[in-house]
Amino acid sequence: VMQERCVTTGGERHPVPEPFLVLATQNPMEMEGTYPLPEAQLD
């Protein structure tokens, strides 16, 4: 969604409102029960 700025479901495209900005947080210390972001997604 961050890249395409729309959601495709059931064969329909639903654009997200503009402007669309994502602020994500992550804790660098706790590793238990986490799934580090792959390089392509960090990008």
PDB file of all heavy atoms in Angstrom:
ATOM      1  N   VAL A   1       0.847  -1.209   0.000  1.00  0.00           N
ATOM      2  CA  VAL A   1       0.000   0.000   0.000  1.00  0.00           C
ATOM      3  C   VAL A   1       0.873   1.246   0.000  1.00  0.00           C
ATOM      4  O   VAL A   1       0.574   2.241  -0.660  1.00  0.00           O
ATOM      5  CB  VAL A   1      -0.927   0.023   1.238  1.00  0.00           C
ATOM      6  CG1 VAL A   1      -1.859   1.213   1.175  1.00  0.00           C
ATOM      7  CG2 VAL A   1      -1.735  -1.243   1.330  1.00  0.00           C
ATOM      8  N   MET A   2       1.986   1.205   0.755  1.00  0.00           N
ATOM      9  CA  MET A   2       2.888   2.353   0.803  1.00  0.00           C
ATOM     10  C   MET A   2       3.426   2.688  -0.580  1.00  0.00           C
ATOM     11  O   MET A   2       3.588   3.859  -0.933  1.00  0.00           O
ATOM     12  CB  MET A   2       4.042   2.055   1.758  1.00  0.00           C
ATOM     13  CG  MET A   2       3.657   2.051   3.217  1.00  0.00           C
ATOM     14  SD  MET A   2       4.923   1.318   4.283  1.00  0.00           S
ATOM     15  CE  MET A   2       6.355   2.277   3.887  1.00  0.00           C
ATOM     16  N   GLN A   3       3.694   1.669  -1.378  1.00  0.00           N
ATOM     17  CA  GLN A   3       4.262   1.881  -2.708  1.00  0.00           C
ATOM     18  C   GLN A   3       3.182   2.232  -3.727  1.00  0.00           C
ATOM     19  O   GLN A   3       3.327   3.177  -4.502  1.00  0.00           O
ATOM     20  CB  GLN A   3       5.005   0.621  -3.151  1.00  0.00           C
ATOM     21  CG  GLN A   3       5.697   0.739  -4.490  1.00  0.00           C
ATOM     22  CD  GLN A   3       6.864   1.717  -4.461  1.00  0.00           C
ATOM     23  OE1 GLN A   3       7.431   1.969  -3.404  1.00  0.00           O
ATOM     24  NE2 GLN A   3       7.204   2.271  -5.597  1.00  0.00           N
ATOM     25  N   GLU A   4       2.095   1.458  -3.736  1.00  0.00           N
ATOM     26  CA  GLU A   4       1.063   1.611  -4.772  1.00  0.00           C
ATOM     27  C   GLU A   4       0.022   2.675  -4.418  1.00  0.00           C
ATOM     28  O   GLU A   4      -0.695   3.158  -5.288  1.00  0.00           O
ATOM     29  CB  GLU A   4       0.349   0.272  -5.008  1.00  0.00           C
ATOM     30  CG  GLU A   4       1.268  -0.901  -5.323  1.00  0.00           C
ATOM     31  CD  GLU A   4       2.072  -0.700  -6.590  1.00  0.00           C
ATOM     32  OE1 GLU A   4       1.590   0.036  -7.479  1.00  0.00           O
ATOM     33  OE2 GLU A   4       3.182  -1.250  -6.667  1.00  0.00           O
ATOM     34  N   ARG A   5      -0.096   2.974  -3.117  1.00  0.00           N
ATOM     35  CA  ARG A   5      -1.085   3.950  -2.610  1.00  0.00           C
ATOM     36  C   ARG A   5      -2.516   3.564  -2.984  1.00  0.00           C
ATOM     37  O   ARG A   5      -3.349   4.414  -3.268  1.00  0.00           O
ATOM     38  CB  ARG A   5      -0.747   5.364  -3.097  1.00  0.00           C
ATOM     39  CG  ARG A   5       0.593   5.831  -2.556  1.00  0.00           C
ATOM     40  CD  ARG A   5       0.921   7.243  -2.919  1.00  0.00           C
ATOM     41  NE  ARG A   5       2.298   7.564  -2.556  1.00  0.00           N
ATOM     42  CZ  ARG A   5       2.683   8.032  -1.374  1.00  0.00           C
ATOM     43  NH1 ARG A   5       1.787   8.243  -0.436  1.00  0.00           N
ATOM     44  NH2 ARG A   5       3.951   8.290  -1.113  1.00  0.00           N
ATOM     45  N   CYS A   6      -2.762   2.272  -3.006  1.00  0.00           N
ATOM     46  CA  CYS A   6      -4.126   1.777  -3.188  1.00  0.00           C
ATOM     47  C   CYS A   6      -4.184   0.340  -2.685  1.00  0.00           C
ATOM     48  O   CYS A   6      -3.158  -0.322  -2.530  1.00  0.00           O
ATOM     49  CB  CYS A   6      -4.576   1.863  -4.646  1.00  0.00           C
ATOM     50  SG  CYS A   6      -3.710   0.736  -5.726  1.00  0.00           S
ATOM     51  N   VAL A   7      -5.424  -0.120  -2.418  1.00  0.00           N
ATOM     52  CA  VAL A   7      -5.653  -1.493  -1.965  1.00  0.00           C
ATOM     53  C   VAL A   7      -6.462  -2.195  -3.043  1.00  0.00           C
ATOM     54  O   VAL A   7      -7.497  -1.673  -3.485  1.00  0.00           O
ATOM     55  CB  VAL A   7      -6.421  -1.513  -0.628  1.00  0.00           C
ATOM     56  CG1 VAL A   7      -6.776  -2.945  -0.234  1.00  0.00           C
ATOM     57  CG2 VAL A   7      -5.601  -0.847   0.469  1.00  0.00           C
ATOM     58  N   THR A   8      -5.985  -3.360  -3.487  1.00  0.00           N
ATOM     59  CA  THR A   8      -6.731  -4.149  -4.464  1.00  0.00           C
ATOM     60  C   THR A   8      -7.309  -5.366  -3.765  1.00  0.00           C
ATOM     61  O   THR A   8      -6.580  -6.175  -3.199  1.00  0.00           O
ATOM     62  CB  THR A   8      -5.819  -4.598  -5.617  1.00  0.00           C
ATOM     63  OG1 THR A   8      -5.219  -3.447  -6.209  1.00  0.00           O
ATOM     64  CG2 THR A   8      -6.624  -5.342  -6.677  1.00  0.00           C
ATOM     65  N   THR A   9      -8.629  -5.464  -3.771  1.00  0.00           N
ATOM     66  CA  THR A   9      -9.289  -6.595  -3.136  1.00  0.00           C
ATOM     67  C   THR A   9     -10.569  -6.912  -3.888  1.00  0.00           C
ATOM     68  O   THR A   9     -11.301  -6.002  -4.306  1.00  0.00           O
ATOM     69  CB  THR A   9      -9.603  -6.298  -1.647  1.00  0.00           C
ATOM     70  OG1 THR A   9     -10.294  -7.396  -1.067  1.00  0.00           O
ATOM     71  CG2 THR A   9     -10.431  -5.041  -1.480  1.00  0.00           C
ATOM     72  N   GLY A  10     -10.843  -8.191  -4.076  1.00  0.00           N
ATOM     73  CA  GLY A  10     -12.040  -8.596  -4.803  1.00  0.00           C
ATOM     74  C   GLY A  10     -12.095  -8.046  -6.209  1.00  0.00           C
ATOM     75  O   GLY A  10     -13.171  -7.790  -6.753  1.00  0.00           O
ATOM     76  N   GLY A  11     -10.928  -7.846  -6.831  1.00  0.00           N
ATOM     77  CA  GLY A  11     -10.885  -7.315  -8.195  1.00  0.00           C
ATOM     78  C   GLY A  11     -11.122  -5.823  -8.294  1.00  0.00           C
ATOM     79  O   GLY A  11     -11.201  -5.270  -9.387  1.00  0.00           O
ATOM     80  N   GLU A  12     -11.233  -5.131  -7.159  1.00  0.00           N
ATOM     81  CA  GLU A  12     -11.471  -3.682  -7.162  1.00  0.00           C
ATOM     82  C   GLU A  12     -10.276  -2.958  -6.567  1.00  0.00           C
ATOM     83  O   GLU A  12      -9.646  -3.433  -5.625  1.00  0.00           O
ATOM     84  CB  GLU A  12     -12.721  -3.340  -6.344  1.00  0.00           C
ATOM     85  CG  GLU A  12     -14.013  -3.903  -6.901  1.00  0.00           C
ATOM     86  CD  GLU A  12     -15.193  -3.582  -5.994  1.00  0.00           C
ATOM     87  OE1 GLU A  12     -14.963  -3.050  -4.882  1.00  0.00           O
ATOM     88  OE2 GLU A  12     -16.324  -3.873  -6.391  1.00  0.00           O
ATOM     89  N   ARG A  13      -9.993  -1.772  -7.140  1.00  0.00           N
ATOM     90  CA  ARG A  13      -8.926  -0.928  -6.600  1.00  0.00           C
ATOM     91  C   ARG A  13      -9.536   0.173  -5.741  1.00  0.00           C
ATOM     92  O   ARG A  13     -10.456   0.859  -6.164  1.00  0.00           O
ATOM     93  CB  ARG A  13      -8.110  -0.299  -7.734  1.00  0.00           C
ATOM     94  CG  ARG A  13      -7.145  -1.259  -8.394  1.00  0.00           C
ATOM     95  CD  ARG A  13      -6.557  -0.658  -9.657  1.00  0.00           C
ATOM     96  NE  ARG A  13      -5.791   0.564  -9.400  1.00  0.00           N
ATOM     97  CZ  ARG A  13      -4.497   0.570  -9.102  1.00  0.00           C
ATOM     98  NH1 ARG A  13      -3.837  -0.566  -9.029  1.00  0.00           N
ATOM     99  NH2 ARG A  13      -3.851   1.695  -8.905  1.00  0.00           N
ATOM    100  N   HIS A  14      -9.011   0.317  -4.548  1.00  0.00           N
ATOM    101  CA  HIS A  14      -9.488   1.352  -3.632  1.00  0.00           C
ATOM    102  C   HIS A  14      -8.312   2.269  -3.296  1.00  0.00           C
ATOM    103  O   HIS A  14      -7.439   1.887  -2.506  1.00  0.00           O
ATOM    104  CB  HIS A  14     -10.052   0.735  -2.347  1.00  0.00           C
ATOM    105  CG  HIS A  14     -11.175  -0.221  -2.573  1.00  0.00           C
ATOM    106  ND1 HIS A  14     -12.495   0.176  -2.660  1.00  0.00           N
ATOM    107  CD2 HIS A  14     -11.176  -1.573  -2.753  1.00  0.00           C
ATOM    108  CE1 HIS A  14     -13.262  -0.880  -2.864  1.00  0.00           C
ATOM    109  NE2 HIS A  14     -12.478  -1.947  -2.929  1.00  0.00           N
ATOM    110  N   PRO A  15      -8.245   3.464  -3.904  1.00  0.00           N
ATOM    111  CA  PRO A  15      -7.118   4.360  -3.604  1.00  0.00           C
ATOM    112  C   PRO A  15      -7.194   4.888  -2.174  1.00  0.00           C
ATOM    113  O   PRO A  15      -8.288   5.167  -1.665  1.00  0.00           O
ATOM    114  CB  PRO A  15      -7.270   5.494  -4.623  1.00  0.00           C
ATOM    115  CG  PRO A  15      -8.693   5.434  -5.073  1.00  0.00           C
ATOM    116  CD  PRO A  15      -9.161   4.029  -4.910  1.00  0.00           C
ATOM    117  N   VAL A  16      -6.040   5.001  -1.522  1.00  0.00           N
ATOM    118  CA  VAL A  16      -6.002   5.590  -0.183  1.00  0.00           C
ATOM    119  C   VAL A  16      -6.066   7.110  -0.340  1.00  0.00           C
ATOM    120  O   VAL A  16      -5.739   7.647  -1.402  1.00  0.00           O
ATOM    121  CB  VAL A  16      -4.723   5.165   0.579  1.00  0.00           C
ATOM    122  CG1 VAL A  16      -4.739   3.687   0.873  1.00  0.00           C
ATOM    123  CG2 VAL A  16      -3.474   5.553  -0.180  1.00  0.00           C
ATOM    124  N   PRO A  17      -6.496   7.829   0.692  1.00  0.00           N
ATOM    125  CA  PRO A  17      -6.609   9.290   0.564  1.00  0.00           C
ATOM    126  C   PRO A  17      -5.240   9.954   0.414  1.00  0.00           C
ATOM    127  O   PRO A  17      -4.234   9.443   0.910  1.00  0.00           O
ATOM    128  CB  PRO A  17      -7.286   9.703   1.881  1.00  0.00           C
ATOM    129  CG  PRO A  17      -7.020   8.601   2.831  1.00  0.00           C
ATOM    130  CD  PRO A  17      -6.935   7.359   2.020  1.00  0.00           C
ATOM    131  N   GLU A  18      -5.220  11.056  -0.305  1.00  0.00           N
ATOM    132  CA  GLU A  18      -3.980  11.830  -0.448  1.00  0.00           C
ATOM    133  C   GLU A  18      -4.050  13.057   0.452  1.00  0.00           C
ATOM    134  O   GLU A  18      -5.105  13.670   0.561  1.00  0.00           O
ATOM    135  CB  GLU A  18      -3.797  12.262  -1.907  1.00  0.00           C
ATOM    136  CG  GLU A  18      -3.509  11.106  -2.851  1.00  0.00           C
ATOM    137  CD  GLU A  18      -2.113  10.519  -2.672  1.00  0.00           C
ATOM    138  OE1 GLU A  18      -1.281  11.177  -2.025  1.00  0.00           O
ATOM    139  OE2 GLU A  18      -1.877   9.401  -3.149  1.00  0.00           O
ATOM    140  N   PRO A  19      -2.956  13.483   1.060  1.00  0.00           N
ATOM    141  CA  PRO A  19      -1.663  12.797   1.084  1.00  0.00           C
ATOM    142  C   PRO A  19      -1.719  11.538   1.951  1.00  0.00           C
ATOM    143  O   PRO A  19      -2.518  11.457   2.882  1.00  0.00           O
ATOM    144  CB  PRO A  19      -0.735  13.840   1.721  1.00  0.00           C
ATOM    145  CG  PRO A  19      -1.627  14.663   2.586  1.00  0.00           C
ATOM    146  CD  PRO A  19      -2.942  14.715   1.877  1.00  0.00           C
ATOM    147  N   PHE A  20      -0.868  10.573   1.630  1.00  0.00           N
ATOM    148  CA  PHE A  20      -0.803   9.335   2.400  1.00  0.00           C
ATOM    149  C   PHE A  20       0.629   9.141   2.883  1.00  0.00           C
ATOM    150  O   PHE A  20       1.556   9.022   2.084  1.00  0.00           O
ATOM    151  CB  PHE A  20      -1.233   8.145   1.536  1.00  0.00           C
ATOM    152  CG  PHE A  20      -1.114   6.817   2.244  1.00  0.00           C
ATOM    153  CD1 PHE A  20      -1.902   6.523   3.344  1.00  0.00           C
ATOM    154  CD2 PHE A  20      -0.203   5.860   1.807  1.00  0.00           C
ATOM    155  CE1 PHE A  20      -1.786   5.293   4.003  1.00  0.00           C
ATOM    156  CE2 PHE A  20      -0.081   4.634   2.448  1.00  0.00           C
ATOM    157  CZ  PHE A  20      -0.883   4.359   3.550  1.00  0.00           C
ATOM    158  N   LEU A  21       0.796   9.153   4.193  1.00  0.00           N
ATOM    159  CA  LEU A  21       2.132   9.058   4.790  1.00  0.00           C
ATOM    160  C   LEU A  21       2.113   8.021   5.901  1.00  0.00           C
ATOM    161  O   LEU A  21       1.177   7.980   6.701  1.00  0.00           O
ATOM    162  CB  LEU A  21       2.549  10.422   5.357  1.00  0.00           C
ATOM    163  CG  LEU A  21       2.579  11.571   4.334  1.00  0.00           C
ATOM    164  CD1 LEU A  21       2.457  12.910   5.028  1.00  0.00           C
ATOM    165  CD2 LEU A  21       3.858  11.512   3.508  1.00  0.00           C
ATOM    166  N   VAL A  22       3.134   7.192   5.925  1.00  0.00           N
ATOM    167  CA  VAL A  22       3.254   6.161   6.952  1.00  0.00           C
ATOM    168  C   VAL A  22       4.451   6.479   7.840  1.00  0.00           C
ATOM    169  O   VAL A  22       5.553   6.728   7.336  1.00  0.00           O
ATOM    170  CB  VAL A  22       3.425   4.757   6.324  1.00  0.00           C
ATOM    171  CG1 VAL A  22       3.720   3.716   7.404  1.00  0.00           C
ATOM    172  CG2 VAL A  22       2.170   4.368   5.553  1.00  0.00           C
ATOM    173  N   LEU A  23       4.205   6.496   9.136  1.00  0.00           N
ATOM    174  CA  LEU A  23       5.292   6.583  10.107  1.00  0.00           C
ATOM    175  C   LEU A  23       5.269   5.303  10.919  1.00  0.00           C
ATOM    176  O   LEU A  23       4.320   5.057  11.668  1.00  0.00           O
ATOM    177  CB  LEU A  23       5.143   7.808  11.017  1.00  0.00           C
ATOM    178  CG  LEU A  23       5.720   9.121  10.461  1.00  0.00           C
ATOM    179  CD1 LEU A  23       4.769   9.713   9.439  1.00  0.00           C
ATOM    180  CD2 LEU A  23       5.975  10.119  11.571  1.00  0.00           C
ATOM    181  N   ALA A  24       6.278   4.487  10.736  1.00  0.00           N
ATOM    182  CA  ALA A  24       6.351   3.195  11.426  1.00  0.00           C
ATOM    183  C   ALA A  24       7.407   3.262  12.522  1.00  0.00           C
ATOM    184  O   ALA A  24       8.416   3.963  12.382  1.00  0.00           O
ATOM    185  CB  ALA A  24       6.698   2.086  10.438  1.00  0.00           C
ATOM    186  N   THR A  25       7.159   2.564  13.615  1.00  0.00           N
ATOM    187  CA  THR A  25       8.145   2.517  14.696  1.00  0.00           C
ATOM    188  C   THR A  25       8.638   1.080  14.857  1.00  0.00           C
ATOM    189  O   THR A  25       7.917   0.125  14.552  1.00  0.00           O
ATOM    190  CB  THR A  25       7.553   2.994  16.038  1.00  0.00           C
ATOM    191  OG1 THR A  25       6.628   2.003  16.534  1.00  0.00           O
ATOM    192  CG2 THR A  25       6.823   4.321  15.883  1.00  0.00           C
ATOM    193  N   GLN A  26       9.867   0.963  15.313  1.00  0.00           N
ATOM    194  CA  GLN A  26      10.373  -0.365  15.663  1.00  0.00           C
ATOM    195  C   GLN A  26      11.351  -0.242  16.823  1.00  0.00           C
ATOM    196  O   GLN A  26      12.034   0.775  16.978  1.00  0.00           O
ATOM    197  CB  GLN A  26      11.006  -1.067  14.471  1.00  0.00           C
ATOM    198  CG  GLN A  26      12.317  -0.517  13.976  1.00  0.00           C
ATOM    199  CD  GLN A  26      12.901  -1.399  12.874  1.00  0.00           C
ATOM    200  OE1 GLN A  26      12.233  -2.250  12.302  1.00  0.00           O
ATOM    201  NE2 GLN A  26      14.168  -1.190  12.563  1.00  0.00           N
ATOM    202  N   ASN A  27      11.365  -1.289  17.644  1.00  0.00           N
ATOM    203  CA  ASN A  27      12.231  -1.356  18.808  1.00  0.00           C
ATOM    204  C   ASN A  27      13.483  -2.148  18.420  1.00  0.00           C
ATOM    205  O   ASN A  27      13.383  -3.307  18.037  1.00  0.00           O
ATOM    206  CB  ASN A  27      11.473  -2.047  19.953  1.00  0.00           C
ATOM    207  CG  ASN A  27      12.337  -2.285  21.172  1.00  0.00           C
ATOM    208  OD1 ASN A  27      13.478  -1.828  21.241  1.00  0.00           O
ATOM    209  ND2 ASN A  27      11.800  -2.997  22.142  1.00  0.00           N
ATOM    210  N   PRO A  28      14.684  -1.534  18.488  1.00  0.00           N
ATOM    211  CA  PRO A  28      15.886  -2.238  18.034  1.00  0.00           C
ATOM    212  C   PRO A  28      16.413  -3.265  19.022  1.00  0.00           C
ATOM    213  O   PRO A  28      17.266  -4.069  18.687  1.00  0.00           O
ATOM    214  CB  PRO A  28      16.903  -1.096  17.893  1.00  0.00           C
ATOM    215  CG  PRO A  28      16.465  -0.096  18.916  1.00  0.00           C
ATOM    216  CD  PRO A  28      14.971  -0.190  18.986  1.00  0.00           C
ATOM    217  N   MET A  29      15.901  -3.240  20.261  1.00  0.00           N
ATOM    218  CA  MET A  29      16.485  -4.078  21.305  1.00  0.00           C
ATOM    219  C   MET A  29      15.814  -5.434  21.437  1.00  0.00           C
ATOM    220  O   MET A  29      16.455  -6.461  21.567  1.00  0.00           O
ATOM    221  CB  MET A  29      16.420  -3.356  22.656  1.00  0.00           C
ATOM    222  CG  MET A  29      17.297  -2.105  22.701  1.00  0.00           C
ATOM    223  SD  MET A  29      17.055  -1.200  24.207  1.00  0.00           S
ATOM    224  CE  MET A  29      17.692  -2.368  25.401  1.00  0.00           C
ATOM    225  N   GLU A  30      14.489  -5.439  21.398  1.00  0.00           N
ATOM    226  CA  GLU A  30      13.754  -6.679  21.659  1.00  0.00           C
ATOM    227  C   GLU A  30      13.704  -7.533  20.405  1.00  0.00           C
ATOM    228  O   GLU A  30      13.113  -7.149  19.407  1.00  0.00           O
ATOM    229  CB  GLU A  30      12.332  -6.330  22.108  1.00  0.00           C
ATOM    230  CG  GLU A  30      12.023  -6.787  23.530  1.00  0.00           C
ATOM    231  CD  GLU A  30      10.655  -6.292  23.962  1.00  0.00           C
ATOM    232  OE1 GLU A  30       9.676  -6.952  23.603  1.00  0.00           O
ATOM    233  OE2 GLU A  30      10.574  -5.266  24.624  1.00  0.00           O
ATOM    234  N   MET A  31      14.298  -8.684  20.441  1.00  0.00           N
ATOM    235  CA  MET A  31      14.330  -9.549  19.272  1.00  0.00           C
ATOM    236  C   MET A  31      13.341 -10.708  19.378  1.00  0.00           C
ATOM    237  O   MET A  31      13.016 -11.337  18.390  1.00  0.00           O
ATOM    238  CB  MET A  31      15.743 -10.110  19.064  1.00  0.00           C
ATOM    239  CG  MET A  31      16.742  -9.070  18.558  1.00  0.00           C
ATOM    240  SD  MET A  31      16.349  -8.485  16.889  1.00  0.00           S
ATOM    241  CE  MET A  31      15.678  -6.870  17.190  1.00  0.00           C
ATOM    242  N   GLU A  32      12.868 -11.003  20.563  1.00  0.00           N
ATOM    243  CA  GLU A  32      11.969 -12.140  20.746  1.00  0.00           C
ATOM    244  C   GLU A  32      10.589 -11.813  20.170  1.00  0.00           C
ATOM    245  O   GLU A  32      10.000 -10.784  20.484  1.00  0.00           O
ATOM    246  CB  GLU A  32      11.842 -12.462  22.244  1.00  0.00           C
ATOM    247  CG  GLU A  32      11.192 -13.825  22.507  1.00  0.00           C
ATOM    248  CD  GLU A  32      11.204 -14.171  23.988  1.00  0.00           C
ATOM    249  OE1 GLU A  32      12.052 -13.658  24.713  1.00  0.00           O
ATOM    250  OE2 GLU A  32      10.335 -14.956  24.384  1.00  0.00           O
ATOM    251  N   GLY A  33      10.082 -12.694  19.321  1.00  0.00           N
ATOM    252  CA  GLY A  33       8.756 -12.479  18.750  1.00  0.00           C
ATOM    253  C   GLY A  33       8.712 -11.367  17.713  1.00  0.00           C
ATOM    254  O   GLY A  33       7.669 -10.779  17.477  1.00  0.00           O
ATOM    255  N   THR A  34       9.857 -11.069  17.085  1.00  0.00           N
ATOM    256  CA  THR A  34       9.864 -10.025  16.055  1.00  0.00           C
ATOM    257  C   THR A  34      10.288 -10.609  14.713  1.00  0.00           C
ATOM    258  O   THR A  34      10.914 -11.661  14.638  1.00  0.00           O
ATOM    259  CB  THR A  34      10.826  -8.876  16.421  1.00  0.00           C
ATOM    260  OG1 THR A  34      12.157  -9.396  16.502  1.00  0.00           O
ATOM    261  CG2 THR A  34      10.445  -8.221  17.727  1.00  0.00           C
ATOM    262  N   TYR A  35       9.913  -9.887  13.661  1.00  0.00           N
ATOM    263  CA  TYR A  35      10.242 -10.291  12.294  1.00  0.00           C
ATOM    264  C   TYR A  35      10.908  -9.090  11.620  1.00  0.00           C
ATOM    265  O   TYR A  35      10.212  -8.203  11.119  1.00  0.00           O
ATOM    266  CB  TYR A  35       8.975 -10.682  11.520  1.00  0.00           C
ATOM    267  CG  TYR A  35       8.157 -11.773  12.178  1.00  0.00           C
ATOM    268  CD1 TYR A  35       7.214 -11.475  13.160  1.00  0.00           C
ATOM    269  CD2 TYR A  35       8.332 -13.115  11.823  1.00  0.00           C
ATOM    270  CE1 TYR A  35       6.464 -12.471  13.770  1.00  0.00           C
ATOM    271  CE2 TYR A  35       7.582 -14.117  12.428  1.00  0.00           C
ATOM    272  CZ  TYR A  35       6.658 -13.778  13.400  1.00  0.00           C
ATOM    273  OH  TYR A  35       5.912 -14.773  13.999  1.00  0.00           O
ATOM    274  N   PRO A  36      12.239  -9.015  11.647  1.00  0.00           N
ATOM    275  CA  PRO A  36      12.932  -7.850  11.063  1.00  0.00           C
ATOM    276  C   PRO A  36      12.524  -7.632   9.614  1.00  0.00           C
ATOM    277  O   PRO A  36      12.337  -8.579   8.852  1.00  0.00           O
ATOM    278  CB  PRO A  36      14.415  -8.232  11.173  1.00  0.00           C
ATOM    279  CG  PRO A  36      14.467  -9.238  12.288  1.00  0.00           C
ATOM    280  CD  PRO A  36      13.171  -9.998  12.212  1.00  0.00           C
ATOM    281  N   LEU A  37      12.391  -6.372   9.222  1.00  0.00           N
ATOM    282  CA  LEU A  37      11.978  -6.047   7.862  1.00  0.00           C
ATOM    283  C   LEU A  37      13.054  -6.463   6.863  1.00  0.00           C
ATOM    284  O   LEU A  37      14.230  -6.158   7.068  1.00  0.00           O
ATOM    285  CB  LEU A  37      11.737  -4.541   7.728  1.00  0.00           C
ATOM    286  CG  LEU A  37      10.451  -3.997   8.337  1.00  0.00           C
ATOM    287  CD1 LEU A  37      10.483  -2.479   8.340  1.00  0.00           C
ATOM    288  CD2 LEU A  37       9.237  -4.476   7.557  1.00  0.00           C
ATOM    289  N   PRO A  38      12.683  -7.161   5.780  1.00  0.00           N
ATOM    290  CA  PRO A  38      13.665  -7.486   4.737  1.00  0.00           C
ATOM    291  C   PRO A  38      14.196  -6.212   4.082  1.00  0.00           C
ATOM    292  O   PRO A  38      13.548  -5.159   4.121  1.00  0.00           O
ATOM    293  CB  PRO A  38      12.858  -8.317   3.732  1.00  0.00           C
ATOM    294  CG  PRO A  38      11.643  -8.766   4.461  1.00  0.00           C
ATOM    295  CD  PRO A  38      11.359  -7.709   5.480  1.00  0.00           C
ATOM    296  N   GLU A  39      15.369  -6.330   3.455  1.00  0.00           N
ATOM    297  CA  GLU A  39      16.028  -5.164   2.870  1.00  0.00           C
ATOM    298  C   GLU A  39      15.146  -4.455   1.842  1.00  0.00           C
ATOM    299  O   GLU A  39      15.062  -3.226   1.815  1.00  0.00           O
ATOM    300  CB  GLU A  39      17.353  -5.594   2.201  1.00  0.00           C
ATOM    301  CG  GLU A  39      18.427  -6.055   3.158  1.00  0.00           C
ATOM    302  CD  GLU A  39      18.196  -7.469   3.692  1.00  0.00           C
ATOM    303  OE1 GLU A  39      17.333  -8.189   3.135  1.00  0.00           O
ATOM    304  OE2 GLU A  39      18.852  -7.851   4.678  1.00  0.00           O
ATOM    305  N   ALA A  40      14.467  -5.235   1.000  1.00  0.00           N
ATOM    306  CA  ALA A  40      13.634  -4.640  -0.049  1.00  0.00           C
ATOM    307  C   ALA A  40      12.475  -3.842   0.537  1.00  0.00           C
ATOM    308  O   ALA A  40      12.024  -2.861  -0.056  1.00  0.00           O
ATOM    309  CB  ALA A  40      13.100  -5.726  -0.977  1.00  0.00           C
ATOM    310  N   GLN A  41      12.008  -4.245   1.718  1.00  0.00           N
ATOM    311  CA  GLN A  41      10.892  -3.539   2.336  1.00  0.00           C
ATOM    312  C   GLN A  41      11.390  -2.324   3.126  1.00  0.00           C
ATOM    313  O   GLN A  41      10.715  -1.295   3.181  1.00  0.00           O
ATOM    314  CB  GLN A  41      10.095  -4.502   3.212  1.00  0.00           C
ATOM    315  CG  GLN A  41       9.452  -5.604   2.389  1.00  0.00           C
ATOM    316  CD  GLN A  41       8.567  -6.524   3.208  1.00  0.00           C
ATOM    317  OE1 GLN A  41       8.527  -6.461   4.422  1.00  0.00           O
ATOM    318  NE2 GLN A  41       7.854  -7.412   2.534  1.00  0.00           N
ATOM    319  N   LEU A  42      12.568  -2.436   3.724  1.00  0.00           N
ATOM    320  CA  LEU A  42      13.167  -1.264   4.373  1.00  0.00           C
ATOM    321  C   LEU A  42      13.346  -0.132   3.367  1.00  0.00           C
ATOM    322  O   LEU A  42      13.205   1.049   3.694  1.00  0.00           O
ATOM    323  CB  LEU A  42      14.543  -1.630   4.949  1.00  0.00           C
ATOM    324  CG  LEU A  42      14.593  -2.265   6.339  1.00  0.00           C
ATOM    325  CD1 LEU A  42      16.010  -2.724   6.634  1.00  0.00           C
ATOM    326  CD2 LEU A  42      14.120  -1.285   7.402  1.00  0.00           C
ATOM    327  N   ASP A  43      13.649  -0.524   2.125  1.00  0.00           N
ATOM    328  CA  ASP A  43      13.918   0.446   1.066  1.00  0.00           C
ATOM    329  C   ASP A  43      12.708   1.321   0.749  1.00  0.00           C
ATOM    330  O   ASP A  43      12.833   2.392   0.160  1.00  0.00           O
ATOM    331  CB  ASP A  43      14.362  -0.320  -0.186  1.00  0.00           C
ATOM    332  CG  ASP A  43      15.235   0.521  -1.095  1.00  0.00           C
ATOM    333  OD1 ASP A  43      15.826   1.495  -0.606  1.00  0.00           O
ATOM    334  OD2 ASP A  43      15.333   0.194  -2.289  1.00  0.00           O
TER     335      ASP A  43
END
